[in-house]
């Protein structure tokens, strides 16, 4: 009977420690630290998020029949599906939004290293809000941020 009580108390202490670690993980940015989580499943609805995309408008100085997104042009950009390219595009969009000329120049250099000269492109932003999209059944609006041409500074 004593060993049963010890096991019960040890289990209770373990569950309390696990719950305390889960609640303490709420203070982190991701609100969880593996393997501990707060148990507030779906309590936090993600807010709106701004993402950026590059819209290719012309290649080698020749306009495309219809502009296409960077990740849909593997024949133009060799790394069209690269995670690194996605991150560069996000940083370029943020630099444009903040009017950070040094950041724009740096990110353009990274991006244009994979584009042929004379490629005209536009950085556009999407503000997505999952709840609003679900309610209205509309895709997020595309807003122009900046226009560039590779090889032209």
C-alpha atoms as a PDB file:
ATOM      1  CA  UNK A   1       0.000   0.000   0.000  1.00  0.00           C
ATOM      2  CA  UNK A   2       2.874   2.345   0.737  1.00  0.00           C
ATOM      3  CA  UNK A   3       4.466   1.813  -2.666  1.00  0.00           C
ATOM      4  CA  UNK A   4       1.113   2.534  -4.284  1.00  0.00           C
ATOM      5  CA  UNK A   5       0.882   5.871  -2.437  1.00  0.00           C
ATOM      6  CA  UNK A   6       4.438   6.765  -3.429  1.00  0.00           C
ATOM      7  CA  UNK A   7       3.688   5.943  -7.042  1.00  0.00           C
ATOM      8  CA  UNK A   8       0.505   8.009  -6.892  1.00  0.00           C
ATOM      9  CA  UNK A   9       2.303  10.995  -5.316  1.00  0.00           C
ATOM     10  CA  UNK A  10       5.183  10.735  -7.795  1.00  0.00           C
ATOM     11  CA  UNK A  11       2.716  10.610 -10.693  1.00  0.00           C
ATOM     12  CA  UNK A  12       0.832  13.599  -9.305  1.00  0.00           C
ATOM     13  CA  UNK A  13       4.085  15.535  -8.855  1.00  0.00           C
ATOM     14  CA  UNK A  14       5.089  14.661 -12.441  1.00  0.00           C
ATOM     15  CA  UNK A  15       1.766  15.862 -13.841  1.00  0.00           C
ATOM     16  CA  UNK A  16       1.993  19.103 -11.821  1.00  0.00           C
ATOM     17  CA  UNK A  17       5.553  19.709 -13.054  1.00  0.00           C
ATOM     18  CA  UNK A  18       4.482  18.995 -16.643  1.00  0.00           C
ATOM     19  CA  UNK A  19       1.558  21.416 -16.325  1.00  0.00           C
ATOM     20  CA  UNK A  20       3.804  24.098 -14.789  1.00  0.00           C
ATOM     21  CA  UNK A  21       6.350  23.688 -17.604  1.00  0.00           C
ATOM     22  CA  UNK A  22       3.546  23.926 -20.161  1.00  0.00           C
ATOM     23  CA  UNK A  23       2.179  27.106 -18.634  1.00  0.00           C
ATOM     24  CA  UNK A  24       5.683  28.576 -18.380  1.00  0.00           C
ATOM     25  CA  UNK A  25       6.151  27.891 -22.098  1.00  0.00           C
ATOM     26  CA  UNK A  26       3.443  30.494 -22.820  1.00  0.00           C
ATOM     27  CA  UNK A  27       6.087  33.146 -22.151  1.00  0.00           C
ATOM     28  CA  UNK A  28       8.075  32.069 -25.229  1.00  0.00           C
ATOM     29  CA  UNK A  29       7.483  33.441 -28.731  1.00  0.00           C
ATOM     30  CA  UNK A  30       6.120  30.166 -30.122  1.00  0.00           C
ATOM     31  CA  UNK A  31       4.202  29.594 -26.864  1.00  0.00           C
ATOM     32  CA  UNK A  32       5.585  26.103 -26.539  1.00  0.00           C
ATOM     33  CA  UNK A  33       8.885  24.417 -25.840  1.00  0.00           C
ATOM     34  CA  UNK A  34       9.049  20.844 -27.079  1.00  0.00           C
ATOM     35  CA  UNK A  35       7.977  18.498 -25.461  1.00  0.00           C
ATOM     36  CA  UNK A  36       5.995  20.863 -23.207  1.00  0.00           C
ATOM     37  CA  UNK A  37       2.960  22.752 -24.423  1.00  0.00           C
ATOM     38  CA  UNK A  38       0.298  24.792 -22.703  1.00  0.00           C
ATOM     39  CA  UNK A  39      -2.769  22.678 -23.506  1.00  0.00           C
ATOM     40  CA  UNK A  40      -4.624  25.753 -24.725  1.00  0.00           C
ATOM     41  CA  UNK A  41      -5.317  24.092 -28.042  1.00  0.00           C
ATOM     42  CA  UNK A  42      -6.900  26.451 -30.563  1.00  0.00           C
ATOM     43  CA  UNK A  43      -7.308  29.164 -27.932  1.00  0.00           C
ATOM     44  CA  UNK A  44      -5.079  31.480 -29.913  1.00  0.00           C
ATOM     45  CA  UNK A  45      -6.309  32.301 -33.392  1.00  0.00           C
ATOM     46  CA  UNK A  46      -3.481  33.459 -35.640  1.00  0.00           C
ATOM     47  CA  UNK A  47      -3.756  37.099 -36.553  1.00  0.00           C
ATOM     48  CA  UNK A  48      -3.275  38.531 -39.983  1.00  0.00           C
ATOM     49  CA  UNK A  49       0.078  38.098 -41.599  1.00  0.00           C
ATOM     50  CA  UNK A  50       1.777  40.021 -44.392  1.00  0.00           C
ATOM     51  CA  UNK A  51       3.748  37.992 -46.914  1.00  0.00           C
ATOM     52  CA  UNK A  52       5.551  39.139 -50.031  1.00  0.00           C
ATOM     53  CA  UNK A  53       5.871  37.650 -53.491  1.00  0.00           C
ATOM     54  CA  UNK A  54       7.737  38.607 -56.649  1.00  0.00           C
ATOM     55  CA  UNK A  55       5.685  38.982 -59.811  1.00  0.00           C
ATOM     56  CA  UNK A  56       7.815  38.468 -62.953  1.00  0.00           C
ATOM     57  CA  UNK A  57       6.579  40.873 -65.640  1.00  0.00           C
ATOM     58  CA  UNK A  58       9.258  40.611 -68.333  1.00  0.00           C
ATOM     59  CA  UNK A  59      12.223  38.405 -69.164  1.00  0.00           C
ATOM     60  CA  UNK A  60      15.234  39.638 -71.152  1.00  0.00           C
ATOM     61  CA  UNK A  61      13.336  42.871 -71.761  1.00  0.00           C
ATOM     62  CA  UNK A  62      10.380  41.059 -73.382  1.00  0.00           C
ATOM     63  CA  UNK A  63       7.049  41.397 -71.525  1.00  0.00           C
ATOM     64  CA  UNK A  64       5.343  38.151 -70.553  1.00  0.00           C
ATOM     65  CA  UNK A  65       1.787  37.614 -71.858  1.00  0.00           C
ATOM     66  CA  UNK A  66       0.624  37.459 -68.242  1.00  0.00           C
ATOM     67  CA  UNK A  67       2.798  38.220 -65.190  1.00  0.00           C
ATOM     68  CA  UNK A  68       3.695  35.133 -63.152  1.00  0.00           C
ATOM     69  CA  UNK A  69       4.857  34.626 -59.613  1.00  0.00           C
ATOM     70  CA  UNK A  70       8.530  33.847 -58.974  1.00  0.00           C
ATOM     71  CA  UNK A  71       7.777  30.360 -57.671  1.00  0.00           C
ATOM     72  CA  UNK A  72       5.829  29.591 -60.865  1.00  0.00           C
ATOM     73  CA  UNK A  73       8.730  30.394 -63.208  1.00  0.00           C
ATOM     74  CA  UNK A  74      11.353  27.659 -62.872  1.00  0.00           C
ATOM     75  CA  UNK A  75      12.424  28.316 -66.482  1.00  0.00           C
ATOM     76  CA  UNK A  76      13.391  31.875 -65.509  1.00  0.00           C
ATOM     77  CA  UNK A  77      14.557  31.416 -61.934  1.00  0.00           C
ATOM     78  CA  UNK A  78      16.502  28.236 -61.362  1.00  0.00           C
ATOM     79  CA  UNK A  79      15.681  28.215 -57.656  1.00  0.00           C
ATOM     80  CA  UNK A  80      11.985  29.051 -58.013  1.00  0.00           C
ATOM     81  CA  UNK A  81      10.907  26.609 -55.298  1.00  0.00           C
ATOM     82  CA  UNK A  82      13.771  27.309 -52.903  1.00  0.00           C
ATOM     83  CA  UNK A  83      13.081  28.122 -49.266  1.00  0.00           C
ATOM     84  CA  UNK A  84      16.084  30.454 -49.363  1.00  0.00           C
ATOM     85  CA  UNK A  85      14.522  32.373 -52.274  1.00  0.00           C
ATOM     86  CA  UNK A  86      11.268  32.650 -50.295  1.00  0.00           C
ATOM     87  CA  UNK A  87      13.146  34.111 -47.320  1.00  0.00           C
ATOM     88  CA  UNK A  88      15.047  36.533 -49.555  1.00  0.00           C
ATOM     89  CA  UNK A  89      11.744  37.718 -51.063  1.00  0.00           C
ATOM     90  CA  UNK A  90      10.289  38.214 -47.571  1.00  0.00           C
ATOM     91  CA  UNK A  91      13.328  40.243 -46.483  1.00  0.00           C
ATOM     92  CA  UNK A  92      13.206  42.280 -49.719  1.00  0.00           C
ATOM     93  CA  UNK A  93       9.534  43.081 -49.125  1.00  0.00           C
ATOM     94  CA  UNK A  94      10.187  44.158 -45.545  1.00  0.00           C
ATOM     95  CA  UNK A  95      13.156  46.280 -46.628  1.00  0.00           C
ATOM     96  CA  UNK A  96      10.962  47.985 -49.256  1.00  0.00           C
ATOM     97  CA  UNK A  97       8.211  48.565 -46.709  1.00  0.00           C
ATOM     98  CA  UNK A  98      10.717  50.122 -44.271  1.00  0.00           C
ATOM     99  CA  UNK A  99      12.534  52.113 -47.015  1.00  0.00           C
ATOM    100  CA  UNK A 100      15.807  50.411 -45.999  1.00  0.00           C
ATOM    101  CA  UNK A 101      18.004  51.149 -49.035  1.00  0.00           C
ATOM    102  CA  UNK A 102      20.920  49.018 -47.835  1.00  0.00           C
ATOM    103  CA  UNK A 103      18.607  46.065 -47.168  1.00  0.00           C
ATOM    104  CA  UNK A 104      16.937  46.493 -50.559  1.00  0.00           C
ATOM    105  CA  UNK A 105      20.307  46.481 -52.338  1.00  0.00           C
ATOM    106  CA  UNK A 106      21.495  43.398 -50.444  1.00  0.00           C
ATOM    107  CA  UNK A 107      18.328  41.364 -51.017  1.00  0.00           C
ATOM    108  CA  UNK A 108      18.092  42.426 -54.669  1.00  0.00           C
ATOM    109  CA  UNK A 109      21.644  41.193 -55.219  1.00  0.00           C
ATOM    110  CA  UNK A 110      20.733  37.795 -53.747  1.00  0.00           C
ATOM    111  CA  UNK A 111      17.519  37.553 -55.759  1.00  0.00           C
ATOM    112  CA  UNK A 112      18.905  38.847 -59.061  1.00  0.00           C
ATOM    113  CA  UNK A 113      21.824  36.422 -58.970  1.00  0.00           C
ATOM    114  CA  UNK A 114      19.289  33.826 -60.147  1.00  0.00           C
ATOM    115  CA  UNK A 115      17.525  35.966 -62.752  1.00  0.00           C
ATOM    116  CA  UNK A 116      18.605  36.759 -66.306  1.00  0.00           C
ATOM    117  CA  UNK A 117      19.500  40.409 -66.994  1.00  0.00           C
ATOM    118  CA  UNK A 118      16.581  42.536 -68.095  1.00  0.00           C
ATOM    119  CA  UNK A 119      14.051  40.669 -65.941  1.00  0.00           C
ATOM    120  CA  UNK A 120      11.407  43.106 -64.770  1.00  0.00           C
ATOM    121  CA  UNK A 121       9.690  42.203 -61.536  1.00  0.00           C
ATOM    122  CA  UNK A 122       7.389  43.702 -58.977  1.00  0.00           C
ATOM    123  CA  UNK A 123       7.364  43.000 -55.268  1.00  0.00           C
ATOM    124  CA  UNK A 124       3.775  42.637 -54.052  1.00  0.00           C
ATOM    125  CA  UNK A 125       2.336  42.091 -50.591  1.00  0.00           C
ATOM    126  CA  UNK A 126      -0.527  39.950 -49.394  1.00  0.00           C
ATOM    127  CA  UNK A 127      -2.211  40.617 -46.071  1.00  0.00           C
ATOM    128  CA  UNK A 128      -3.895  37.394 -45.084  1.00  0.00           C
ATOM    129  CA  UNK A 129      -6.238  36.915 -42.172  1.00  0.00           C
ATOM    130  CA  UNK A 130      -7.525  33.341 -41.890  1.00  0.00           C
ATOM    131  CA  UNK A 131     -10.727  34.299 -40.080  1.00  0.00           C
ATOM    132  CA  UNK A 132     -11.632  37.048 -42.571  1.00  0.00           C
ATOM    133  CA  UNK A 133     -10.844  34.741 -45.497  1.00  0.00           C
ATOM    134  CA  UNK A 134     -13.065  32.039 -44.040  1.00  0.00           C
ATOM    135  CA  UNK A 135     -15.932  34.477 -43.476  1.00  0.00           C
ATOM    136  CA  UNK A 136     -15.762  36.285 -46.822  1.00  0.00           C
ATOM    137  CA  UNK A 137     -14.482  33.382 -48.958  1.00  0.00           C
ATOM    138  CA  UNK A 138     -12.164  35.871 -50.731  1.00  0.00           C
ATOM    139  CA  UNK A 139      -8.459  35.557 -51.386  1.00  0.00           C
ATOM    140  CA  UNK A 140      -6.189  38.202 -49.846  1.00  0.00           C
ATOM    141  CA  UNK A 141      -5.712  41.357 -51.901  1.00  0.00           C
ATOM    142  CA  UNK A 142      -2.417  41.853 -53.718  1.00  0.00           C
ATOM    143  CA  UNK A 143      -0.789  45.259 -53.181  1.00  0.00           C
ATOM    144  CA  UNK A 144       2.232  46.551 -55.137  1.00  0.00           C
ATOM    145  CA  UNK A 145       5.260  47.440 -53.030  1.00  0.00           C
ATOM    146  CA  UNK A 146       8.082  48.181 -55.503  1.00  0.00           C
ATOM    147  CA  UNK A 147       9.173  47.518 -59.092  1.00  0.00           C
ATOM    148  CA  UNK A 148      12.688  46.556 -60.157  1.00  0.00           C
ATOM    149  CA  UNK A 149      14.613  45.318 -63.181  1.00  0.00           C
ATOM    150  CA  UNK A 150      17.562  42.965 -62.840  1.00  0.00           C
ATOM    151  CA  UNK A 151      20.847  44.465 -63.930  1.00  0.00           C
ATOM    152  CA  UNK A 152      19.563  48.017 -63.368  1.00  0.00           C
ATOM    153  CA  UNK A 153      20.412  49.795 -60.117  1.00  0.00           C
END
